PDB file of N, CA and C in Angstrom:
ATOM      1  N   MET A   1      34.451  64.135 -33.392  1.00  0.00           N
ATOM      2  CA  MET A   1      35.794  63.712 -33.724  1.00  0.00           C
ATOM      3  C   MET A   1      35.800  62.348 -34.407  1.00  0.00           C
ATOM      4  N   LEU A   2      35.037  61.408 -33.860  1.00  0.00           N
ATOM      5  CA  LEU A   2      34.965  60.067 -34.441  1.00  0.00           C
ATOM      6  C   LEU A   2      34.389  60.124 -35.853  1.00  0.00           C
ATOM      7  N   LEU A   3      33.378  60.935 -36.051  1.00  0.00           N
ATOM      8  CA  LEU A   3      32.781  61.083 -37.373  1.00  0.00           C
ATOM      9  C   LEU A   3      33.790  61.630 -38.375  1.00  0.00           C
ATOM     10  N   ALA A   4      34.604  62.573 -37.951  1.00  0.00           N
ATOM     11  CA  ALA A   4      35.631  63.140 -38.833  1.00  0.00           C
ATOM     12  C   ALA A   4      36.658  62.075 -39.227  1.00  0.00           C
ATOM     13  N   VAL A   5      37.037  61.221 -38.299  1.00  0.00           N
ATOM     14  CA  VAL A   5      37.987  60.141 -38.597  1.00  0.00           C
ATOM     15  C   VAL A   5      37.371  59.152 -39.578  1.00  0.00           C
ATOM     16  N   ILE A   6      36.110  58.820 -39.391  1.00  0.00           N
ATOM     17  CA  ILE A   6      35.423  57.899 -40.293  1.00  0.00           C
ATOM     18  C   ILE A   6      35.319  58.484 -41.694  1.00  0.00           C
ATOM     19  N   VAL A   7      34.957  59.742 -41.793  1.00  0.00           N
ATOM     20  CA  VAL A   7      34.852  60.406 -43.096  1.00  0.00           C
ATOM     21  C   VAL A   7      36.215  60.472 -43.775  1.00  0.00           C
ATOM     22  N   LEU A   8      37.238  60.814 -43.025  1.00  0.00           N
ATOM     23  CA  LEU A   8      38.592  60.891 -43.571  1.00  0.00           C
ATOM     24  C   LEU A   8      39.073  59.518 -44.047  1.00  0.00           C
ATOM     25  N   ALA A   9      38.830  58.481 -43.263  1.00  0.00           N
ATOM     26  CA  ALA A   9      39.224  57.119 -43.662  1.00  0.00           C
ATOM     27  C   ALA A   9      38.465  56.680 -44.907  1.00  0.00           C
ATOM     28  N   GLY A  10      37.184  57.005 -44.986  1.00  0.00           N
ATOM     29  CA  GLY A  10      36.394  56.682 -46.174  1.00  0.00           C
ATOM     30  C   GLY A  10      36.891  57.400 -47.414  1.00  0.00           C
ATOM     31  N   ALA A  11      37.224  58.661 -47.268  1.00  0.00           N
ATOM     32  CA  ALA A  11      37.748  59.432 -48.399  1.00  0.00           C
ATOM     33  C   ALA A  11      39.097  58.883 -48.861  1.00  0.00           C
ATOM     34  N   ALA A  12      39.953  58.527 -47.912  1.00  0.00           N
ATOM     35  CA  ALA A  12      41.256  57.953 -48.271  1.00  0.00           C
ATOM     36  C   ALA A  12      41.066  56.611 -48.959  1.00  0.00           C
ATOM     37  N   GLY A  13      40.143  55.795 -48.463  1.00  0.00           N
ATOM     38  CA  GLY A  13      39.857  54.505 -49.091  1.00  0.00           C
ATOM     39  C   GLY A  13      39.345  54.662 -50.505  1.00  0.00           C
ATOM     40  N   TRP A  14      38.484  55.638 -50.721  1.00  0.00           N
ATOM     41  CA  TRP A  14      37.958  55.886 -52.066  1.00  0.00           C
ATOM     42  C   TRP A  14      39.072  56.380 -52.985  1.00  0.00           C
ATOM     43  N   PHE A  15      39.905  57.279 -52.492  1.00  0.00           N
ATOM     44  CA  PHE A  15      40.981  57.851 -53.300  1.00  0.00           C
ATOM     45  C   PHE A  15      42.007  56.783 -53.698  1.00  0.00           C
ATOM     46  N   TYR A  16      42.297  55.857 -52.795  1.00  0.00           N
ATOM     47  CA  TYR A  16      43.283  54.813 -53.043  1.00  0.00           C
ATOM     48  C   TYR A  16      42.662  53.471 -53.421  1.00  0.00           C
ATOM     49  N   ARG A  17      41.420  53.468 -53.864  1.00  0.00           N
ATOM     50  CA  ARG A  17      40.731  52.205 -54.123  1.00  0.00           C
ATOM     51  C   ARG A  17      41.388  51.376 -55.223  1.00  0.00           C
ATOM     52  N   GLU A  18      41.883  51.986 -56.289  1.00  0.00           N
ATOM     53  CA  GLU A  18      42.508  51.219 -57.362  1.00  0.00           C
ATOM     54  C   GLU A  18      43.771  50.503 -56.891  1.00  0.00           C
ATOM     55  N   PRO A  19      44.697  51.184 -56.207  1.00  0.00           N
ATOM     56  CA  PRO A  19      45.860  50.439 -55.710  1.00  0.00           C
ATOM     57  C   PRO A  19      45.482  49.371 -54.685  1.00  0.00           C
ATOM     58  N   ILE A  20      44.522  49.683 -53.819  1.00  0.00           N
ATOM     59  CA  ILE A  20      44.094  48.705 -52.816  1.00  0.00           C
ATOM     60  C   ILE A  20      43.505  47.480 -53.506  1.00  0.00           C
ATOM     61  N   GLU A  21      42.635  47.681 -54.492  1.00  0.00           N
ATOM     62  CA  GLU A  21      42.049  46.555 -55.225  1.00  0.00           C
ATOM     63  C   GLU A  21      43.124  45.771 -55.974  1.00  0.00           C
ATOM     64  N   GLY A  22      44.096  46.465 -56.545  1.00  0.00           N
ATOM     65  CA  GLY A  22      45.176  45.795 -57.265  1.00  0.00           C
ATOM     66  C   GLY A  22      46.021  44.926 -56.355  1.00  0.00           C
ATOM     67  N   TYR A  23      46.414  45.476 -55.214  1.00  0.00           N
ATOM     68  CA  TYR A  23      47.201  44.690 -54.263  1.00  0.00           C
ATOM     69  C   TYR A  23      46.391  43.518 -53.719  1.00  0.00           C
ATOM     70  N   ALA A  24      45.119  43.739 -53.437  1.00  0.00           N
ATOM     71  CA  ALA A  24      44.264  42.670 -52.925  1.00  0.00           C
ATOM     72  C   ALA A  24      44.106  41.566 -53.962  1.00  0.00           C
ATOM     73  N   ARG A  25      43.906  41.933 -55.196  1.00  0.00           N
ATOM     74  CA  ARG A  25      43.742  40.942 -56.260  1.00  0.00           C
ATOM     75  C   ARG A  25      45.042  40.154 -56.478  1.00  0.00           C
ATOM     76  N   THR A  26      46.161  40.851 -56.456  1.00  0.00           N
ATOM     77  CA  THR A  26      47.456  40.186 -56.615  1.00  0.00           C
ATOM     78  C   THR A  26      47.712  39.233 -55.447  1.00  0.00           C
ATOM     79  N   GLY A  27      47.429  39.676 -54.230  1.00  0.00           N
ATOM     80  CA  GLY A  27      47.603  38.823 -53.060  1.00  0.00           C
ATOM     81  C   GLY A  27      46.696  37.608 -53.094  1.00  0.00           C
ATOM     82  N   ALA A  28      45.457  37.804 -53.525  1.00  0.00           N
ATOM     83  CA  ALA A  28      44.518  36.684 -53.619  1.00  0.00           C
ATOM     84  C   ALA A  28      44.965  35.687 -54.695  1.00  0.00           C
ATOM     85  N   ALA A  29      45.430  36.191 -55.830  1.00  0.00           N
ATOM     86  CA  ALA A  29      45.900  35.308 -56.901  1.00  0.00           C
ATOM     87  C   ALA A  29      47.128  34.522 -56.453  1.00  0.00           C
ATOM     88  N   PHE A  30      48.083  35.197 -55.833  1.00  0.00           N
ATOM     89  CA  PHE A  30      49.273  34.516 -55.319  1.00  0.00           C
ATOM     90  C   PHE A  30      48.869  33.471 -54.280  1.00  0.00           C
ATOM     91  N   GLY A  31      47.970  33.850 -53.384  1.00  0.00           N
ATOM     92  CA  GLY A  31      47.528  32.939 -52.338  1.00  0.00           C
ATOM     93  C   GLY A  31      46.827  31.712 -52.887  1.00  0.00           C
ATOM     94  N   ALA A  32      45.938  31.908 -53.868  1.00  0.00           N
ATOM     95  CA  ALA A  32      45.203  30.780 -54.450  1.00  0.00           C
ATOM     96  C   ALA A  32      46.148  29.818 -55.154  1.00  0.00           C
ATOM     97  N   ARG A  33      47.039  30.347 -55.953  1.00  0.00           N
ATOM     98  CA  ARG A  33      47.971  29.505 -56.716  1.00  0.00           C
ATOM     99  C   ARG A  33      48.940  28.779 -55.790  1.00  0.00           C
ATOM    100  N   THR A  34      49.483  29.487 -54.817  1.00  0.00           N
ATOM    101  CA  THR A  34      50.436  28.895 -53.881  1.00  0.00           C
ATOM    102  C   THR A  34      49.762  27.826 -53.018  1.00  0.00           C
ATOM    103  N   ALA A  35      48.593  28.141 -52.484  1.00  0.00           N
ATOM    104  CA  ALA A  35      47.895  27.189 -51.615  1.00  0.00           C
ATOM    105  C   ALA A  35      47.400  25.981 -52.402  1.00  0.00           C
ATOM    106  N   CYS A  36      46.969  26.170 -53.627  1.00  0.00           N
ATOM    107  CA  CYS A  36      46.528  25.045 -54.451  1.00  0.00           C
ATOM    108  C   CYS A  36      47.682  24.070 -54.685  1.00  0.00           C
ATOM    109  N   SER A  37      48.838  24.597 -55.037  1.00  0.00           N
ATOM    110  CA  SER A  37      50.009  23.735 -55.246  1.00  0.00           C
ATOM    111  C   SER A  37      50.429  23.047 -53.951  1.00  0.00           C
ATOM    112  N   CYS A  38      50.411  23.784 -52.887  1.00  0.00           N
ATOM    113  CA  CYS A  38      50.760  23.234 -51.579  1.00  0.00           C
ATOM    114  C   CYS A  38      49.804  22.090 -51.217  1.00  0.00           C
ATOM    115  N   ARG A  39      48.522  22.313 -51.457  1.00  0.00           N
ATOM    116  CA  ARG A  39      47.481  21.358 -51.063  1.00  0.00           C
ATOM    117  C   ARG A  39      47.436  20.137 -51.972  1.00  0.00           C
ATOM    118  N   TYR A  40      47.410  20.354 -53.287  1.00  0.00           N
ATOM    119  CA  TYR A  40      47.140  19.258 -54.215  1.00  0.00           C
ATOM    120  C   TYR A  40      48.371  18.709 -54.925  1.00  0.00           C
ATOM    121  N   VAL A  41      49.494  19.387 -54.850  1.00  0.00           N
ATOM    122  CA  VAL A  41      50.735  18.838 -55.394  1.00  0.00           C
ATOM    123  C   VAL A  41      51.577  18.282 -54.242  1.00  0.00           C
ATOM    124  N   ALA A  42      51.757  19.082 -53.195  1.00  0.00           N
ATOM    125  CA  ALA A  42      52.575  18.654 -52.059  1.00  0.00           C
ATOM    126  C   ALA A  42      51.794  17.829 -51.041  1.00  0.00           C
ATOM    127  N   GLY A  43      50.458  17.910 -51.063  1.00  0.00           N
ATOM    128  CA  GLY A  43      49.631  17.111 -50.163  1.00  0.00           C
ATOM    129  C   GLY A  43      49.595  17.601 -48.728  1.00  0.00           C
ATOM    130  N   ARG A  44      49.877  18.888 -48.509  1.00  0.00           N
ATOM    131  CA  ARG A  44      49.859  19.449 -47.160  1.00  0.00           C
ATOM    132  C   ARG A  44      48.454  19.951 -46.814  1.00  0.00           C
ATOM    133  N   SER A  45      48.236  20.187 -45.531  1.00  0.00           N
ATOM    134  CA  SER A  45      46.945  20.726 -45.099  1.00  0.00           C
ATOM    135  C   SER A  45      46.847  22.200 -45.486  1.00  0.00           C
ATOM    136  N   LEU A  46      45.640  22.685 -45.626  1.00  0.00           N
ATOM    137  CA  LEU A  46      45.429  24.083 -45.997  1.00  0.00           C
ATOM    138  C   LEU A  46      45.989  25.020 -44.924  1.00  0.00           C
ATOM    139  N   ALA A  47      45.841  24.665 -43.671  1.00  0.00           N
ATOM    140  CA  ALA A  47      46.391  25.493 -42.586  1.00  0.00           C
ATOM    141  C   ALA A  47      47.910  25.569 -42.686  1.00  0.00           C
ATOM    142  N   ASP A  48      48.547  24.475 -43.039  1.00  0.00           N
ATOM    143  CA  ASP A  48      49.997  24.460 -43.182  1.00  0.00           C
ATOM    144  C   ASP A  48      50.443  25.284 -44.392  1.00  0.00           C
ATOM    145  N   CYS A  49      49.611  25.379 -45.396  1.00  0.00           N
ATOM    146  CA  CYS A  49      49.953  26.128 -46.616  1.00  0.00           C
ATOM    147  C   CYS A  49      50.097  27.630 -46.346  1.00  0.00           C
ATOM    148  N   LYS A  50      49.415  28.143 -45.339  1.00  0.00           N
ATOM    149  CA  LYS A  50      49.532  29.574 -45.012  1.00  0.00           C
ATOM    150  C   LYS A  50      50.953  29.940 -44.604  1.00  0.00           C
ATOM    151  N   LYS A  51      51.750  28.962 -44.201  1.00  0.00           N
ATOM    152  CA  LYS A  51      53.146  29.220 -43.852  1.00  0.00           C
ATOM    153  C   LYS A  51      53.958  29.680 -45.060  1.00  0.00           C
ATOM    154  N   ASP A  52      53.474  29.368 -46.268  1.00  0.00           N
ATOM    155  CA  ASP A  52      54.186  29.732 -47.498  1.00  0.00           C
ATOM    156  C   ASP A  52      53.905  31.165 -47.937  1.00  0.00           C
ATOM    157  N   PHE A  53      52.980  31.834 -47.286  1.00  0.00           N
ATOM    158  CA  PHE A  53      52.627  33.198 -47.659  1.00  0.00           C
ATOM    159  C   PHE A  53      53.738  34.170 -47.267  1.00  0.00           C
ATOM    160  N   GLU A  54      53.818  35.241 -48.002  1.00  0.00           N
ATOM    161  CA  GLU A  54      54.778  36.304 -47.727  1.00  0.00           C
ATOM    162  C   GLU A  54      54.304  37.133 -46.523  1.00  0.00           C
ATOM    163  N   PRO A  55      55.223  37.798 -45.832  1.00  0.00           N
ATOM    164  CA  PRO A  55      54.811  38.689 -44.745  1.00  0.00           C
ATOM    165  C   PRO A  55      53.846  39.764 -45.279  1.00  0.00           C
ATOM    166  N   GLY A  56      52.833  40.058 -44.512  1.00  0.00           N
ATOM    167  CA  GLY A  56      51.839  41.044 -44.917  1.00  0.00           C
ATOM    168  C   GLY A  56      50.605  40.432 -45.554  1.00  0.00           C
ATOM    169  N   MET A  57      50.597  39.115 -45.735  1.00  0.00           N
ATOM    170  CA  MET A  57      49.445  38.451 -46.365  1.00  0.00           C
ATOM    171  C   MET A  57      48.469  37.868 -45.347  1.00  0.00           C
ATOM    172  N   GLU A  58      48.516  38.361 -44.119  1.00  0.00           N
ATOM    173  CA  GLU A  58      47.632  37.839 -43.080  1.00  0.00           C
ATOM    174  C   GLU A  58      46.159  38.099 -43.388  1.00  0.00           C
ATOM    175  N   ILE A  59      45.875  39.070 -44.223  1.00  0.00           N
ATOM    176  CA  ILE A  59      44.493  39.413 -44.554  1.00  0.00           C
ATOM    177  C   ILE A  59      43.923  38.523 -45.660  1.00  0.00           C
ATOM    178  N   VAL A  60      44.758  37.679 -46.266  1.00  0.00           N
ATOM    179  CA  VAL A  60      44.304  36.754 -47.310  1.00  0.00           C
ATOM    180  C   VAL A  60      43.838  35.473 -46.636  1.00  0.00           C
ATOM    181  N   PHE A  61      42.580  35.095 -46.869  1.00  0.00           N
ATOM    182  CA  PHE A  61      41.976  33.902 -46.291  1.00  0.00           C
ATOM    183  C   PHE A  61      41.807  32.844 -47.374  1.00  0.00           C
ATOM    184  N   LEU A  62      41.746  31.584 -46.960  1.00  0.00           N
ATOM    185  CA  LEU A  62      41.662  30.473 -47.901  1.00  0.00           C
ATOM    186  C   LEU A  62      40.433  29.613 -47.648  1.00  0.00           C
ATOM    187  N   SER A  63      39.883  29.062 -48.729  1.00  0.00           N
ATOM    188  CA  SER A  63      38.854  28.032 -48.629  1.00  0.00           C
ATOM    189  C   SER A  63      39.180  26.959 -49.660  1.00  0.00           C
ATOM    190  N   ASP A  64      38.803  25.739 -49.343  1.00  0.00           N
ATOM    191  CA  ASP A  64      39.197  24.581 -50.129  1.00  0.00           C
ATOM    192  C   ASP A  64      37.963  23.811 -50.574  1.00  0.00           C
ATOM    193  N   ASP A  65      37.896  23.477 -51.853  1.00  0.00           N
ATOM    194  CA  ASP A  65      36.848  22.617 -52.386  1.00  0.00           C
ATOM    195  C   ASP A  65      37.524  21.325 -52.812  1.00  0.00           C
ATOM    196  N   GLN A  66      37.545  20.341 -51.930  1.00  0.00           N
ATOM    197  CA  GLN A  66      38.276  19.108 -52.173  1.00  0.00           C
ATOM    198  C   GLN A  66      37.712  18.315 -53.342  1.00  0.00           C
ATOM    199  N   GLU A  67      36.400  18.380 -53.511  1.00  0.00           N
ATOM    200  CA  GLU A  67      35.760  17.601 -54.586  1.00  0.00           C
ATOM    201  C   GLU A  67      36.258  18.033 -55.966  1.00  0.00           C
ATOM    202  N   SER A  68      36.360  19.336 -56.195  1.00  0.00           N
ATOM    203  CA  SER A  68      36.826  19.821 -57.501  1.00  0.00           C
ATOM    204  C   SER A  68      38.308  20.209 -57.481  1.00  0.00           C
ATOM    205  N   ARG A  69      38.964  19.997 -56.345  1.00  0.00           N
ATOM    206  CA  ARG A  69      40.396  20.285 -56.183  1.00  0.00           C
ATOM    207  C   ARG A  69      40.713  21.739 -56.516  1.00  0.00           C
ATOM    208  N   ARG A  70      39.989  22.629 -55.858  1.00  0.00           N
ATOM    209  CA  ARG A  70      40.149  24.064 -56.046  1.00  0.00           C
ATOM    210  C   ARG A  70      40.409  24.737 -54.708  1.00  0.00           C
ATOM    211  N   VAL A  71      41.209  25.781 -54.765  1.00  0.00           N
ATOM    212  CA  VAL A  71      41.446  26.618 -53.590  1.00  0.00           C
ATOM    213  C   VAL A  71      41.096  28.050 -53.970  1.00  0.00           C
ATOM    214  N   THR A  72      40.313  28.689 -53.138  1.00  0.00           N
ATOM    215  CA  THR A  72      39.964  30.091 -53.329  1.00  0.00           C
ATOM    216  C   THR A  72      40.626  30.898 -52.226  1.00  0.00           C
ATOM    217  N   ALA A  73      41.284  31.961 -52.633  1.00  0.00           N
ATOM    218  CA  ALA A  73      41.885  32.899 -51.683  1.00  0.00           C
ATOM    219  C   ALA A  73      41.147  34.219 -51.830  1.00  0.00           C
ATOM    220  N   TYR A  74      40.891  34.873 -50.714  1.00  0.00           N
ATOM    221  CA  TYR A  74      40.136  36.124 -50.794  1.00  0.00           C
ATOM    222  C   TYR A  74      40.562  37.108 -49.730  1.00  0.00           C
ATOM    223  N   VAL A  75      40.420  38.369 -50.096  1.00  0.00           N
ATOM    224  CA  VAL A  75      40.546  39.481 -49.169  1.00  0.00           C
ATOM    225  C   VAL A  75      39.117  39.960 -48.982  1.00  0.00           C
ATOM    226  N   PRO A  76      38.560  39.830 -47.788  1.00  0.00           N
ATOM    227  CA  PRO A  76      37.136  40.116 -47.596  1.00  0.00           C
ATOM    228  C   PRO A  76      36.701  41.465 -48.173  1.00  0.00           C
ATOM    229  N   LEU A  77      35.602  41.414 -48.903  1.00  0.00           N
ATOM    230  CA  LEU A  77      34.934  42.566 -49.503  1.00  0.00           C
ATOM    231  C   LEU A  77      35.728  43.248 -50.625  1.00  0.00           C
ATOM    232  N   ILE A  78      36.900  42.710 -50.996  1.00  0.00           N
ATOM    233  CA  ILE A  78      37.709  43.388 -52.004  1.00  0.00           C
ATOM    234  C   ILE A  78      38.032  42.496 -53.193  1.00  0.00           C
ATOM    235  N   ALA A  79      38.594  41.315 -52.959  1.00  0.00           N
ATOM    236  CA  ALA A  79      39.063  40.484 -54.077  1.00  0.00           C
ATOM    237  C   ALA A  79      38.972  39.005 -53.731  1.00  0.00           C
ATOM    238  N   SER A  80      38.816  38.195 -54.770  1.00  0.00           N
ATOM    239  CA  SER A  80      38.770  36.747 -54.625  1.00  0.00           C
ATOM    240  C   SER A  80      39.335  36.117 -55.896  1.00  0.00           C
ATOM    241  N   GLU A  81      40.179  35.109 -55.741  1.00  0.00           N
ATOM    242  CA  GLU A  81      40.751  34.388 -56.877  1.00  0.00           C
ATOM    243  C   GLU A  81      40.742  32.900 -56.561  1.00  0.00           C
ATOM    244  N   THR A  82      40.597  32.076 -57.611  1.00  0.00           N
ATOM    245  CA  THR A  82      40.527  30.635 -57.445  1.00  0.00           C
ATOM    246  C   THR A  82      41.536  29.955 -58.360  1.00  0.00           C
ATOM    247  N   ALA A  83      42.202  28.939 -57.827  1.00  0.00           N
ATOM    248  CA  ALA A  83      43.106  28.104 -58.617  1.00  0.00           C
ATOM    249  C   ALA A  83      42.614  26.666 -58.526  1.00  0.00           C
ATOM    250  N   GLN A  84      42.690  25.961 -59.642  1.00  0.00           N
ATOM    251  CA  GLN A  84      42.234  24.575 -59.686  1.00  0.00           C
ATOM    252  C   GLN A  84      43.366  23.668 -60.139  1.00  0.00           C
ATOM    253  N   TYR A  85      43.468  22.509 -59.478  1.00  0.00           N
ATOM    254  CA  TYR A  85      44.474  21.528 -59.856  1.00  0.00           C
ATOM    255  C   TYR A  85      43.959  20.707 -61.029  1.00  0.00           C
ATOM    256  N   ARG A  86      44.799  20.559 -62.040  1.00  0.00           N
ATOM    257  CA  ARG A  86      44.506  19.700 -63.192  1.00  0.00           C
ATOM    258  C   ARG A  86      45.708  18.788 -63.411  1.00  0.00           C
ATOM    259  N   GLU A  87      45.436  17.552 -63.693  1.00  0.00           N
ATOM    260  CA  GLU A  87      46.505  16.597 -63.973  1.00  0.00           C
ATOM    261  C   GLU A  87      47.325  17.097 -65.154  1.00  0.00           C
ATOM    262  N   GLY A  88      48.601  17.131 -65.010  1.00  0.00           N
ATOM    263  CA  GLY A  88      49.484  17.624 -66.079  1.00  0.00           C
ATOM    264  C   GLY A  88      49.999  19.018 -65.778  1.00  0.00           C
ATOM    265  N   PRO A  89      49.186  20.042 -66.062  1.00  0.00           N
ATOM    266  CA  PRO A  89      49.690  21.402 -65.833  1.00  0.00           C
ATOM    267  C   PRO A  89      49.737  21.810 -64.359  1.00  0.00           C
ATOM    268  N   GLY A  90      49.067  21.097 -63.496  1.00  0.00           N
ATOM    269  CA  GLY A  90      49.061  21.441 -62.073  1.00  0.00           C
ATOM    270  C   GLY A  90      48.011  22.486 -61.751  1.00  0.00           C
ATOM    271  N   CYS A  91      48.317  23.381 -60.839  1.00  0.00           N
ATOM    272  CA  CYS A  91      47.359  24.397 -60.391  1.00  0.00           C
ATOM    273  C   CYS A  91      47.411  25.611 -61.305  1.00  0.00           C
ATOM    274  N   GLN A  92      46.245  26.004 -61.765  1.00  0.00           N
ATOM    275  CA  GLN A  92      46.130  27.175 -62.629  1.00  0.00           C
ATOM    276  C   GLN A  92      45.025  28.075 -62.109  1.00  0.00           C
ATOM    277  N   LEU A  93      45.275  29.379 -62.219  1.00  0.00           N
ATOM    278  CA  LEU A  93      44.249  30.351 -61.841  1.00  0.00           C
ATOM    279  C   LEU A  93      43.129  30.331 -62.867  1.00  0.00           C
ATOM    280  N   GLU A  94      41.914  30.603 -62.394  1.00  0.00           N
ATOM    281  CA  GLU A  94      40.805  30.790 -63.327  1.00  0.00           C
ATOM    282  C   GLU A  94      41.038  32.075 -64.101  1.00  0.00           C
ATOM    283  N   ARG A  95      40.474  32.145 -65.272  1.00  0.00           N
ATOM    284  CA  ARG A  95      40.611  33.367 -66.079  1.00  0.00           C
ATOM    285  C   ARG A  95      40.015  34.554 -65.347  1.00  0.00           C
ATOM    286  N   TRP A  96      40.697  35.680 -65.477  1.00  0.00           N
ATOM    287  CA  TRP A  96      40.213  36.908 -64.844  1.00  0.00           C
ATOM    288  C   TRP A  96      39.126  37.523 -65.697  1.00  0.00           C
ATOM    289  N   GLN A  97      38.109  37.964 -65.038  1.00  0.00           N
ATOM    290  CA  GLN A  97      37.017  38.680 -65.706  1.00  0.00           C
ATOM    291  C   GLN A  97      37.255  40.168 -65.531  1.00  0.00           C
ATOM    292  N   GLU A  98      37.430  40.877 -66.603  1.00  0.00           N
ATOM    293  CA  GLU A  98      37.656  42.327 -66.533  1.00  0.00           C
ATOM    294  C   GLU A  98      36.355  43.070 -66.578  1.00  0.00           C
TER     295      GLU A  98
END
């Protein structure tokens, strides 16, 4: 029974992989940009920046590179996006690699 559930979950994950990757990438991009602005424009802590996330974004995790003023948001094993603070334009996402 457990094997059947695992196989079924794997098949569903494979079938829905494009929407899952799309939502994960969008969530990571939103998270990186929002947290970067929160951190380097508003000067808040990274933990406090998670309060700005939309409901359902609990799976998006953040890491901070203070030296280069970058925030990376990621959904483990699926997507990762980085935003960097620059004087003038503020926080911008890195270019997406297709």
